[in-house]
């Protein structure tokens, strides 16, 4: 599946690397790391990744028109696995897709 919402510079990278882990994600969101996102250890604080995921999810929902003023969602659960530190002024690409649609649930999947 080709991404539905993607910046040209990200698409260029994906076109060159057919094995890139972002392939198959409907939306790829670009997130700039702010200086204030870092903690005393000099890297992005672990809870900030949840804000980044929220930003990407809202962007995803708006790009695909999933929600409007008559619908809403409640986050029931979340988890995150950290692989390496991120610092200012990095830019993260966050891939978002729906992994599963249930009768009353929607499971998003992310990759950074």
PDB file of N, CA and C in Angstrom:
ATOM      1  N   UNK A   1       0.843  -1.175   0.000  1.00  0.00           N
ATOM      2  CA  UNK A   1       0.000   0.000   0.000  1.00  0.00           C
ATOM      3  C   UNK A   1       0.888   1.238   0.000  1.00  0.00           C
ATOM      4  N   UNK A   2       0.585   2.162  -0.877  1.00  0.00           N
ATOM      5  CA  UNK A   2       1.312   3.429  -0.916  1.00  0.00           C
ATOM      6  C   UNK A   2       0.712   4.369   0.128  1.00  0.00           C
ATOM      7  N   UNK A   3       1.575   5.127   0.769  1.00  0.00           N
ATOM      8  CA  UNK A   3       1.110   6.066   1.793  1.00  0.00           C
ATOM      9  C   UNK A   3       0.157   7.086   1.182  1.00  0.00           C
ATOM     10  N   UNK A   4      -0.895   7.418   1.912  1.00  0.00           N
ATOM     11  CA  UNK A   4      -1.896   8.367   1.434  1.00  0.00           C
ATOM     12  C   UNK A   4      -1.541   9.804   1.773  1.00  0.00           C
ATOM     13  N   UNK A   5      -0.813  10.001   2.842  1.00  0.00           N
ATOM     14  CA  UNK A   5      -0.392  11.340   3.258  1.00  0.00           C
ATOM     15  C   UNK A   5       1.078  11.253   3.643  1.00  0.00           C
ATOM     16  N   UNK A   6       1.911  11.889   2.820  1.00  0.00           N
ATOM     17  CA  UNK A   6       3.353  11.762   3.019  1.00  0.00           C
ATOM     18  C   UNK A   6       4.057  12.975   2.420  1.00  0.00           C
ATOM     19  N   UNK A   7       5.092  13.442   3.076  1.00  0.00           N
ATOM     20  CA  UNK A   7       5.893  14.541   2.544  1.00  0.00           C
ATOM     21  C   UNK A   7       6.760  14.034   1.399  1.00  0.00           C
ATOM     22  N   UNK A   8       7.028  14.874   0.400  1.00  0.00           N
ATOM     23  CA  UNK A   8       7.841  14.440  -0.748  1.00  0.00           C
ATOM     24  C   UNK A   8       9.211  13.888  -0.366  1.00  0.00           C
ATOM     25  N   UNK A   9       9.874  14.487   0.639  1.00  0.00           N
ATOM     26  CA  UNK A   9      11.205  13.996   1.012  1.00  0.00           C
ATOM     27  C   UNK A   9      11.150  12.599   1.637  1.00  0.00           C
ATOM     28  N   UNK A  10      10.046  12.284   2.303  1.00  0.00           N
ATOM     29  CA  UNK A  10       9.883  10.934   2.851  1.00  0.00           C
ATOM     30  C   UNK A  10       9.602   9.954   1.721  1.00  0.00           C
ATOM     31  N   UNK A  11       8.756  10.353   0.781  1.00  0.00           N
ATOM     32  CA  UNK A  11       8.445   9.483  -0.360  1.00  0.00           C
ATOM     33  C   UNK A  11       9.698   9.162  -1.156  1.00  0.00           C
ATOM     34  N   UNK A  12      10.582  10.134  -1.295  1.00  0.00           N
ATOM     35  CA  UNK A  12      11.839   9.923  -2.020  1.00  0.00           C
ATOM     36  C   UNK A  12      12.682   8.831  -1.349  1.00  0.00           C
ATOM     37  N   UNK A  13      12.754   8.863  -0.028  1.00  0.00           N
ATOM     38  CA  UNK A  13      13.501   7.834   0.708  1.00  0.00           C
ATOM     39  C   UNK A  13      12.852   6.467   0.515  1.00  0.00           C
ATOM     40  N   UNK A  14      11.530   6.410   0.600  1.00  0.00           N
ATOM     41  CA  UNK A  14      10.825   5.135   0.427  1.00  0.00           C
ATOM     42  C   UNK A  14      10.996   4.579  -0.979  1.00  0.00           C
ATOM     43  N   UNK A  15      11.003   5.463  -1.970  1.00  0.00           N
ATOM     44  CA  UNK A  15      11.188   5.020  -3.357  1.00  0.00           C
ATOM     45  C   UNK A  15      12.559   4.386  -3.559  1.00  0.00           C
ATOM     46  N   UNK A  16      13.552   4.885  -2.838  1.00  0.00           N
ATOM     47  CA  UNK A  16      14.920   4.363  -2.973  1.00  0.00           C
ATOM     48  C   UNK A  16      15.143   3.089  -2.156  1.00  0.00           C
ATOM     49  N   UNK A  17      14.393   2.917  -1.082  1.00  0.00           N
ATOM     50  CA  UNK A  17      14.592   1.775  -0.183  1.00  0.00           C
ATOM     51  C   UNK A  17      13.304   0.961  -0.095  1.00  0.00           C
ATOM     52  N   UNK A  18      13.212  -0.069  -0.903  1.00  0.00           N
ATOM     53  CA  UNK A  18      11.995  -0.889  -0.963  1.00  0.00           C
ATOM     54  C   UNK A  18      11.771  -1.712   0.309  1.00  0.00           C
ATOM     55  N   UNK A  19      12.783  -1.820   1.169  1.00  0.00           N
ATOM     56  CA  UNK A  19      12.657  -2.573   2.418  1.00  0.00           C
ATOM     57  C   UNK A  19      12.495  -1.675   3.641  1.00  0.00           C
ATOM     58  N   UNK A  20      12.269  -0.390   3.423  1.00  0.00           N
ATOM     59  CA  UNK A  20      12.129   0.553   4.536  1.00  0.00           C
ATOM     60  C   UNK A  20      10.936   0.145   5.413  1.00  0.00           C
ATOM     61  N   UNK A  21      11.079   0.211   6.746  1.00  0.00           N
ATOM     62  CA  UNK A  21       9.988  -0.215   7.634  1.00  0.00           C
ATOM     63  C   UNK A  21       8.727   0.643   7.555  1.00  0.00           C
ATOM     64  N   UNK A  22       8.784   1.796   6.886  1.00  0.00           N
ATOM     65  CA  UNK A  22       7.598   2.643   6.763  1.00  0.00           C
ATOM     66  C   UNK A  22       6.664   2.189   5.634  1.00  0.00           C
ATOM     67  N   UNK A  23       7.126   1.296   4.771  1.00  0.00           N
ATOM     68  CA  UNK A  23       6.244   0.799   3.712  1.00  0.00           C
ATOM     69  C   UNK A  23       5.040   0.116   4.356  1.00  0.00           C
ATOM     70  N   UNK A  24       3.875   0.349   3.807  1.00  0.00           N
ATOM     71  CA  UNK A  24       2.665  -0.266   4.332  1.00  0.00           C
ATOM     72  C   UNK A  24       1.916   0.587   5.335  1.00  0.00           C
ATOM     73  N   UNK A  25       2.466   1.752   5.666  1.00  0.00           N
ATOM     74  CA  UNK A  25       1.769   2.654   6.574  1.00  0.00           C
ATOM     75  C   UNK A  25       1.009   3.691   5.754  1.00  0.00           C
ATOM     76  N   UNK A  26      -0.273   3.881   6.080  1.00  0.00           N
ATOM     77  CA  UNK A  26      -1.141   4.766   5.304  1.00  0.00           C
ATOM     78  C   UNK A  26      -0.731   6.225   5.400  1.00  0.00           C
ATOM     79  N   UNK A  27      -0.259   6.630   6.560  1.00  0.00           N
ATOM     80  CA  UNK A  27       0.125   8.021   6.798  1.00  0.00           C
ATOM     81  C   UNK A  27       1.497   8.024   7.461  1.00  0.00           C
ATOM     82  N   UNK A  28       2.357   8.928   7.000  1.00  0.00           N
ATOM     83  CA  UNK A  28       3.653   9.126   7.647  1.00  0.00           C
ATOM     84  C   UNK A  28       3.738  10.588   8.055  1.00  0.00           C
ATOM     85  N   UNK A  29       3.853  10.793   9.345  1.00  0.00           N
ATOM     86  CA  UNK A  29       3.832  12.121   9.954  1.00  0.00           C
ATOM     87  C   UNK A  29       5.252  12.531  10.321  1.00  0.00           C
ATOM     88  N   UNK A  30       5.591  13.785  10.072  1.00  0.00           N
ATOM     89  CA  UNK A  30       6.912  14.313  10.408  1.00  0.00           C
ATOM     90  C   UNK A  30       6.817  15.123  11.700  1.00  0.00           C
ATOM     91  N   UNK A  31       7.611  14.746  12.704  1.00  0.00           N
ATOM     92  CA  UNK A  31       7.583  15.389  14.021  1.00  0.00           C
ATOM     93  C   UNK A  31       8.950  15.960  14.358  1.00  0.00           C
ATOM     94  N   UNK A  32       9.023  17.273  14.507  1.00  0.00           N
ATOM     95  CA  UNK A  32      10.262  17.936  14.920  1.00  0.00           C
ATOM     96  C   UNK A  32      10.419  17.807  16.432  1.00  0.00           C
ATOM     97  N   UNK A  33      11.604  17.431  16.888  1.00  0.00           N
ATOM     98  CA  UNK A  33      11.881  17.329  18.320  1.00  0.00           C
ATOM     99  C   UNK A  33      12.232  18.717  18.850  1.00  0.00           C
ATOM    100  N   UNK A  34      11.485  19.179  19.828  1.00  0.00           N
ATOM    101  CA  UNK A  34      11.734  20.487  20.442  1.00  0.00           C
ATOM    102  C   UNK A  34      12.740  20.345  21.584  1.00  0.00           C
ATOM    103  N   UNK A  35      13.456  21.412  21.862  1.00  0.00           N
ATOM    104  CA  UNK A  35      14.438  21.413  22.953  1.00  0.00           C
ATOM    105  C   UNK A  35      13.777  21.013  24.272  1.00  0.00           C
ATOM    106  N   UNK A  36      12.582  21.515  24.514  1.00  0.00           N
ATOM    107  CA  UNK A  36      11.872  21.236  25.756  1.00  0.00           C
ATOM    108  C   UNK A  36      11.368  19.810  25.887  1.00  0.00           C
ATOM    109  N   UNK A  37      11.459  19.023  24.819  1.00  0.00           N
ATOM    110  CA  UNK A  37      11.040  17.616  24.876  1.00  0.00           C
ATOM    111  C   UNK A  37      12.077  16.732  25.563  1.00  0.00           C
ATOM    112  N   UNK A  38      13.278  17.276  25.746  1.00  0.00           N
ATOM    113  CA  UNK A  38      14.352  16.476  26.340  1.00  0.00           C
ATOM    114  C   UNK A  38      14.308  16.555  27.865  1.00  0.00           C
ATOM    115  N   UNK A  39      14.841  15.525  28.497  1.00  0.00           N
ATOM    116  CA  UNK A  39      14.876  15.484  29.955  1.00  0.00           C
ATOM    117  C   UNK A  39      16.291  15.737  30.471  1.00  0.00           C
ATOM    118  N   UNK A  40      16.508  15.543  31.750  1.00  0.00           N
ATOM    119  CA  UNK A  40      17.810  15.812  32.369  1.00  0.00           C
ATOM    120  C   UNK A  40      18.917  14.911  31.836  1.00  0.00           C
ATOM    121  N   UNK A  41      18.543  13.812  31.197  1.00  0.00           N
ATOM    122  CA  UNK A  41      19.535  12.893  30.633  1.00  0.00           C
ATOM    123  C   UNK A  41      19.951  13.283  29.216  1.00  0.00           C
ATOM    124  N   UNK A  42      19.347  14.363  28.676  1.00  0.00           N
ATOM    125  CA  UNK A  42      19.740  14.881  27.372  1.00  0.00           C
ATOM    126  C   UNK A  42      19.106  14.190  26.184  1.00  0.00           C
ATOM    127  N   UNK A  43      18.037  13.439  26.419  1.00  0.00           N
ATOM    128  CA  UNK A  43      17.311  12.818  25.307  1.00  0.00           C
ATOM    129  C   UNK A  43      15.816  13.006  25.535  1.00  0.00           C
ATOM    130  N   UNK A  44      15.020  12.712  24.509  1.00  0.00           N
ATOM    131  CA  UNK A  44      13.573  12.892  24.616  1.00  0.00           C
ATOM    132  C   UNK A  44      13.044  12.023  25.755  1.00  0.00           C
ATOM    133  N   UNK A  45      12.252  12.637  26.623  1.00  0.00           N
ATOM    134  CA  UNK A  45      11.659  11.924  27.743  1.00  0.00           C
ATOM    135  C   UNK A  45      10.678  10.877  27.229  1.00  0.00           C
ATOM    136  N   UNK A  46      10.608   9.727  27.900  1.00  0.00           N
ATOM    137  CA  UNK A  46       9.785   8.624  27.410  1.00  0.00           C
ATOM    138  C   UNK A  46       8.313   8.976  27.244  1.00  0.00           C
ATOM    139  N   UNK A  47       7.757   9.826  28.090  1.00  0.00           N
ATOM    140  CA  UNK A  47       6.340  10.160  27.954  1.00  0.00           C
ATOM    141  C   UNK A  47       6.062  11.053  26.747  1.00  0.00           C
ATOM    142  N   UNK A  48       7.073  11.747  26.249  1.00  0.00           N
ATOM    143  CA  UNK A  48       6.893  12.636  25.098  1.00  0.00           C
ATOM    144  C   UNK A  48       6.549  11.833  23.842  1.00  0.00           C
ATOM    145  N   UNK A  49       7.022  10.599  23.760  1.00  0.00           N
ATOM    146  CA  UNK A  49       6.691   9.759  22.605  1.00  0.00           C
ATOM    147  C   UNK A  49       5.183   9.553  22.485  1.00  0.00           C
ATOM    148  N   UNK A  50       4.481   9.549  23.605  1.00  0.00           N
ATOM    149  CA  UNK A  50       3.025   9.423  23.571  1.00  0.00           C
ATOM    150  C   UNK A  50       2.385  10.676  22.968  1.00  0.00           C
ATOM    151  N   UNK A  51       2.962  11.834  23.235  1.00  0.00           N
ATOM    152  CA  UNK A  51       2.482  13.065  22.598  1.00  0.00           C
ATOM    153  C   UNK A  51       2.738  13.011  21.101  1.00  0.00           C
ATOM    154  N   UNK A  52       3.916  12.539  20.712  1.00  0.00           N
ATOM    155  CA  UNK A  52       4.220  12.394  19.288  1.00  0.00           C
ATOM    156  C   UNK A  52       3.236  11.435  18.622  1.00  0.00           C
ATOM    157  N   UNK A  53       2.947  10.312  19.270  1.00  0.00           N
ATOM    158  CA  UNK A  53       1.992   9.344  18.717  1.00  0.00           C
ATOM    159  C   UNK A  53       0.603   9.972  18.618  1.00  0.00           C
ATOM    160  N   UNK A  54       0.222  10.760  19.612  1.00  0.00           N
ATOM    161  CA  UNK A  54      -1.067  11.449  19.566  1.00  0.00           C
ATOM    162  C   UNK A  54      -1.118  12.419  18.392  1.00  0.00           C
ATOM    163  N   UNK A  55      -0.062  13.195  18.194  1.00  0.00           N
ATOM    164  CA  UNK A  55      -0.014  14.125  17.062  1.00  0.00           C
ATOM    165  C   UNK A  55      -0.163  13.375  15.746  1.00  0.00           C
ATOM    166  N   UNK A  56       0.538  12.253  15.619  1.00  0.00           N
ATOM    167  CA  UNK A  56       0.476  11.457  14.391  1.00  0.00           C
ATOM    168  C   UNK A  56      -0.913  10.852  14.204  1.00  0.00           C
ATOM    169  N   UNK A  57      -1.520  10.367  15.284  1.00  0.00           N
ATOM    170  CA  UNK A  57      -2.858   9.774  15.206  1.00  0.00           C
ATOM    171  C   UNK A  57      -3.898  10.811  14.788  1.00  0.00           C
ATOM    172  N   UNK A  58      -3.826  12.008  15.345  1.00  0.00           N
ATOM    173  CA  UNK A  58      -4.771  13.069  14.975  1.00  0.00           C
ATOM    174  C   UNK A  58      -4.581  13.441  13.513  1.00  0.00           C
ATOM    175  N   UNK A  59      -3.334  13.539  13.075  1.00  0.00           N
ATOM    176  CA  UNK A  59      -3.046  13.822  11.666  1.00  0.00           C
ATOM    177  C   UNK A  59      -3.608  12.712  10.779  1.00  0.00           C
ATOM    178  N   UNK A  60      -3.386  11.469  11.166  1.00  0.00           N
ATOM    179  CA  UNK A  60      -3.904  10.309  10.433  1.00  0.00           C
ATOM    180  C   UNK A  60      -5.426  10.394  10.312  1.00  0.00           C
ATOM    181  N   UNK A  61      -6.097  10.599  11.449  1.00  0.00           N
ATOM    182  CA  UNK A  61      -7.558  10.674  11.445  1.00  0.00           C
ATOM    183  C   UNK A  61      -8.064  11.813  10.578  1.00  0.00           C
ATOM    184  N   UNK A  62      -7.383  12.948  10.593  1.00  0.00           N
ATOM    185  CA  UNK A  62      -7.821  14.085   9.772  1.00  0.00           C
ATOM    186  C   UNK A  62      -7.568  13.824   8.289  1.00  0.00           C
ATOM    187  N   UNK A  63      -6.444  13.199   7.956  1.00  0.00           N
ATOM    188  CA  UNK A  63      -6.138  12.918   6.553  1.00  0.00           C
ATOM    189  C   UNK A  63      -7.108  11.906   5.955  1.00  0.00           C
ATOM    190  N   UNK A  64      -7.579  10.965   6.751  1.00  0.00           N
ATOM    191  CA  UNK A  64      -8.483   9.920   6.266  1.00  0.00           C
ATOM    192  C   UNK A  64      -9.940  10.191   6.620  1.00  0.00           C
ATOM    193  N   UNK A  65     -10.210  11.360   7.210  1.00  0.00           N
ATOM    194  CA  UNK A  65     -11.569  11.753   7.591  1.00  0.00           C
ATOM    195  C   UNK A  65     -12.266  10.691   8.434  1.00  0.00           C
ATOM    196  N   UNK A  66     -11.554  10.138   9.411  1.00  0.00           N
ATOM    197  CA  UNK A  66     -12.129   9.082  10.245  1.00  0.00           C
ATOM    198  C   UNK A  66     -13.079   9.619  11.305  1.00  0.00           C
ATOM    199  N   UNK A  67     -12.821  10.817  11.780  1.00  0.00           N
ATOM    200  CA  UNK A  67     -13.650  11.361  12.843  1.00  0.00           C
ATOM    201  C   UNK A  67     -14.121  12.757  12.468  1.00  0.00           C
ATOM    202  N   UNK A  68     -15.300  13.087  12.948  1.00  0.00           N
ATOM    203  CA  UNK A  68     -15.832  14.436  12.765  1.00  0.00           C
ATOM    204  C   UNK A  68     -16.468  14.873  14.080  1.00  0.00           C
ATOM    205  N   UNK A  69     -17.249  15.944  14.037  1.00  0.00           N
ATOM    206  CA  UNK A  69     -17.824  16.464  15.279  1.00  0.00           C
ATOM    207  C   UNK A  69     -18.850  15.516  15.900  1.00  0.00           C
ATOM    208  N   UNK A  70     -19.316  14.515  15.157  1.00  0.00           N
ATOM    209  CA  UNK A  70     -20.304  13.571  15.677  1.00  0.00           C
ATOM    210  C   UNK A  70     -19.688  12.275  16.205  1.00  0.00           C
ATOM    211  N   UNK A  71     -18.393  12.118  16.050  1.00  0.00           N
ATOM    212  CA  UNK A  71     -17.732  10.901  16.527  1.00  0.00           C
ATOM    213  C   UNK A  71     -16.564  11.271  17.435  1.00  0.00           C
ATOM    214  N   UNK A  72     -16.203  10.357  18.286  1.00  0.00           N
ATOM    215  CA  UNK A  72     -15.053  10.571  19.158  1.00  0.00           C
ATOM    216  C   UNK A  72     -14.454   9.215  19.500  1.00  0.00           C
ATOM    217  N   UNK A  73     -13.281   9.259  20.079  1.00  0.00           N
ATOM    218  CA  UNK A  73     -12.647   8.007  20.489  1.00  0.00           C
ATOM    219  C   UNK A  73     -12.085   8.157  21.897  1.00  0.00           C
ATOM    220  N   UNK A  74     -11.913   7.035  22.545  1.00  0.00           N
ATOM    221  CA  UNK A  74     -11.323   6.979  23.876  1.00  0.00           C
ATOM    222  C   UNK A  74     -10.144   6.024  23.801  1.00  0.00           C
ATOM    223  N   UNK A  75      -8.997   6.456  24.287  1.00  0.00           N
ATOM    224  CA  UNK A  75      -7.815   5.591  24.314  1.00  0.00           C
ATOM    225  C   UNK A  75      -7.971   4.633  25.489  1.00  0.00           C
ATOM    226  N   UNK A  76      -8.079   3.346  25.194  1.00  0.00           N
ATOM    227  CA  UNK A  76      -8.288   2.346  26.241  1.00  0.00           C
ATOM    228  C   UNK A  76      -6.975   1.746  26.732  1.00  0.00           C
ATOM    229  N   UNK A  77      -5.986   1.668  25.851  1.00  0.00           N
ATOM    230  CA  UNK A  77      -4.704   1.069  26.235  1.00  0.00           C
ATOM    231  C   UNK A  77      -3.623   1.551  25.286  1.00  0.00           C
ATOM    232  N   UNK A  78      -2.383   1.511  25.768  1.00  0.00           N
ATOM    233  CA  UNK A  78      -1.255   1.862  24.904  1.00  0.00           C
ATOM    234  C   UNK A  78       0.005   1.208  25.446  1.00  0.00           C
ATOM    235  N   UNK A  79       0.965   1.029  24.549  1.00  0.00           N
ATOM    236  CA  UNK A  79       2.272   0.519  24.955  1.00  0.00           C
ATOM    237  C   UNK A  79       3.312   1.068  23.993  1.00  0.00           C
ATOM    238  N   UNK A  80       4.545   1.086  24.441  1.00  0.00           N
ATOM    239  CA  UNK A  80       5.623   1.631  23.623  1.00  0.00           C
ATOM    240  C   UNK A  80       6.908   0.887  23.956  1.00  0.00           C
ATOM    241  N   UNK A  81       7.647   0.530  22.916  1.00  0.00           N
ATOM    242  CA  UNK A  81       8.947  -0.100  23.104  1.00  0.00           C
ATOM    243  C   UNK A  81       9.994   0.857  22.553  1.00  0.00           C
ATOM    244  N   UNK A  82      10.994   1.181  23.365  1.00  0.00           N
ATOM    245  CA  UNK A  82      12.017   2.155  23.000  1.00  0.00           C
ATOM    246  C   UNK A  82      13.258   1.433  22.494  1.00  0.00           C
ATOM    247  N   UNK A  83      13.805   1.916  21.380  1.00  0.00           N
ATOM    248  CA  UNK A  83      14.965   1.265  20.778  1.00  0.00           C
ATOM    249  C   UNK A  83      16.247   2.079  20.885  1.00  0.00           C
ATOM    250  N   UNK A  84      16.139   3.415  20.753  1.00  0.00           N
ATOM    251  CA  UNK A  84      17.331   4.248  20.862  1.00  0.00           C
ATOM    252  C   UNK A  84      16.925   5.665  21.239  1.00  0.00           C
ATOM    253  N   UNK A  85      17.844   6.425  21.836  1.00  0.00           N
ATOM    254  CA  UNK A  85      17.507   7.786  22.256  1.00  0.00           C
ATOM    255  C   UNK A  85      17.359   8.738  21.071  1.00  0.00           C
ATOM    256  N   UNK A  86      16.530   9.739  21.269  1.00  0.00           N
ATOM    257  CA  UNK A  86      16.300  10.798  20.283  1.00  0.00           C
ATOM    258  C   UNK A  86      16.587  12.118  20.976  1.00  0.00           C
ATOM    259  N   UNK A  87      17.200  13.058  20.249  1.00  0.00           N
ATOM    260  CA  UNK A  87      17.546  14.354  20.828  1.00  0.00           C
ATOM    261  C   UNK A  87      17.148  15.492  19.891  1.00  0.00           C
ATOM    262  N   UNK A  88      17.122  16.693  20.440  1.00  0.00           N
ATOM    263  CA  UNK A  88      16.926  17.906  19.645  1.00  0.00           C
ATOM    264  C   UNK A  88      18.176  18.110  18.802  1.00  0.00           C
ATOM    265  N   UNK A  89      18.120  18.468  17.552  1.00  0.00           N
ATOM    266  CA  UNK A  89      16.983  18.883  16.742  1.00  0.00           C
ATOM    267  C   UNK A  89      16.504  17.806  15.769  1.00  0.00           C
ATOM    268  N   UNK A  90      16.466  16.548  16.195  1.00  0.00           N
ATOM    269  CA  UNK A  90      16.043  15.454  15.312  1.00  0.00           C
ATOM    270  C   UNK A  90      14.635  15.676  14.774  1.00  0.00           C
ATOM    271  N   UNK A  91      14.372  15.068  13.642  1.00  0.00           N
ATOM    272  CA  UNK A  91      13.031  14.997  13.087  1.00  0.00           C
ATOM    273  C   UNK A  91      12.666  13.526  12.988  1.00  0.00           C
ATOM    274  N   UNK A  92      11.541  13.169  13.573  1.00  0.00           N
ATOM    275  CA  UNK A  92      11.067  11.786  13.529  1.00  0.00           C
ATOM    276  C   UNK A  92      10.008  11.636  12.456  1.00  0.00           C
ATOM    277  N   UNK A  93      10.029  10.523  11.776  1.00  0.00           N
ATOM    278  CA  UNK A  93       8.937  10.142  10.886  1.00  0.00           C
ATOM    279  C   UNK A  93       8.141   9.085  11.620  1.00  0.00           C
ATOM    280  N   UNK A  94       6.849   9.295  11.705  1.00  0.00           N
ATOM    281  CA  UNK A  94       5.990   8.372  12.438  1.00  0.00           C
ATOM    282  C   UNK A  94       4.971   7.790  11.470  1.00  0.00           C
ATOM    283  N   UNK A  95       5.086   6.496  11.226  1.00  0.00           N
ATOM    284  CA  UNK A  95       4.120   5.802  10.386  1.00  0.00           C
ATOM    285  C   UNK A  95       2.922   5.401  11.227  1.00  0.00           C
ATOM    286  N   UNK A  96       1.718   5.614  10.678  1.00  0.00           N
ATOM    287  CA  UNK A  96       0.483   5.278  11.386  1.00  0.00           C
ATOM    288  C   UNK A  96      -0.405   4.463  10.456  1.00  0.00           C
ATOM    289  N   UNK A  97      -0.998   3.417  11.001  1.00  0.00           N
ATOM    290  CA  UNK A  97      -1.991   2.646  10.255  1.00  0.00           C
ATOM    291  C   UNK A  97      -2.933   1.980  11.252  1.00  0.00           C
ATOM    292  N   UNK A  98      -4.065   1.542  10.734  1.00  0.00           N
ATOM    293  CA  UNK A  98      -4.998   0.782  11.553  1.00  0.00           C
ATOM    294  C   UNK A  98      -4.611  -0.680  11.440  1.00  0.00           C
ATOM    295  N   UNK A  99      -4.338  -1.278  12.572  1.00  0.00           N
ATOM    296  CA  UNK A  99      -3.938  -2.689  12.610  1.00  0.00           C
ATOM    297  C   UNK A  99      -5.153  -3.607  12.644  1.00  0.00           C
ATOM    298  N   UNK A 100      -6.194  -3.175  13.380  1.00  0.00           N
ATOM    299  CA  UNK A 100      -7.380  -4.017  13.522  1.00  0.00           C
ATOM    300  C   UNK A 100      -8.600  -3.147  13.772  1.00  0.00           C
ATOM    301  N   UNK A 101      -9.702  -3.517  13.145  1.00  0.00           N
ATOM    302  CA  UNK A 101     -10.982  -2.857  13.383  1.00  0.00           C
ATOM    303  C   UNK A 101     -11.913  -3.887  14.009  1.00  0.00           C
ATOM    304  N   UNK A 102     -12.404  -3.571  15.194  1.00  0.00           N
ATOM    305  CA  UNK A 102     -13.346  -4.448  15.882  1.00  0.00           C
ATOM    306  C   UNK A 102     -14.743  -3.862  15.835  1.00  0.00           C
ATOM    307  N   UNK A 103     -15.680  -4.474  16.554  1.00  0.00           N
ATOM    308  CA  UNK A 103     -17.059  -3.980  16.585  1.00  0.00           C
ATOM    309  C   UNK A 103     -17.159  -2.615  17.255  1.00  0.00           C
ATOM    310  N   UNK A 104     -16.358  -2.408  18.285  1.00  0.00           N
ATOM    311  CA  UNK A 104     -16.380  -1.130  19.002  1.00  0.00           C
ATOM    312  C   UNK A 104     -14.964  -0.664  19.313  1.00  0.00           C
ATOM    313  N   UNK A 105     -14.019  -1.102  18.496  1.00  0.00           N
ATOM    314  CA  UNK A 105     -12.630  -0.732  18.773  1.00  0.00           C
ATOM    315  C   UNK A 105     -11.846  -0.542  17.480  1.00  0.00           C
ATOM    316  N   UNK A 106     -10.767   0.175  17.626  1.00  0.00           N
ATOM    317  CA  UNK A 106      -9.861   0.462  16.514  1.00  0.00           C
ATOM    318  C   UNK A 106      -8.453   0.431  17.094  1.00  0.00           C
ATOM    319  N   UNK A 107      -7.592  -0.408  16.542  1.00  0.00           N
ATOM    320  CA  UNK A 107      -6.226  -0.502  17.046  1.00  0.00           C
ATOM    321  C   UNK A 107      -5.281   0.142  16.046  1.00  0.00           C
ATOM    322  N   UNK A 108      -4.606   1.210  16.487  1.00  0.00           N
ATOM    323  CA  UNK A 108      -3.602   1.869  15.659  1.00  0.00           C
ATOM    324  C   UNK A 108      -2.246   1.213  15.890  1.00  0.00           C
ATOM    325  N   UNK A 109      -1.424   1.230  14.865  1.00  0.00           N
ATOM    326  CA  UNK A 109      -0.048   0.753  14.965  1.00  0.00           C
ATOM    327  C   UNK A 109       0.861   1.875  14.488  1.00  0.00           C
ATOM    328  N   UNK A 110       1.993   2.029  15.159  1.00  0.00           N
ATOM    329  CA  UNK A 110       2.938   3.099  14.843  1.00  0.00           C
ATOM    330  C   UNK A 110       4.327   2.520  14.629  1.00  0.00           C
ATOM    331  N   UNK A 111       5.105   3.198  13.812  1.00  0.00           N
ATOM    332  CA  UNK A 111       6.530   2.937  13.741  1.00  0.00           C
ATOM    333  C   UNK A 111       7.228   4.276  13.640  1.00  0.00           C
ATOM    334  N   UNK A 112       8.390   4.374  14.253  1.00  0.00           N
ATOM    335  CA  UNK A 112       9.170   5.617  14.242  1.00  0.00           C
ATOM    336  C   UNK A 112      10.416   5.408  13.425  1.00  0.00           C
TER     337      UNK A 112
END
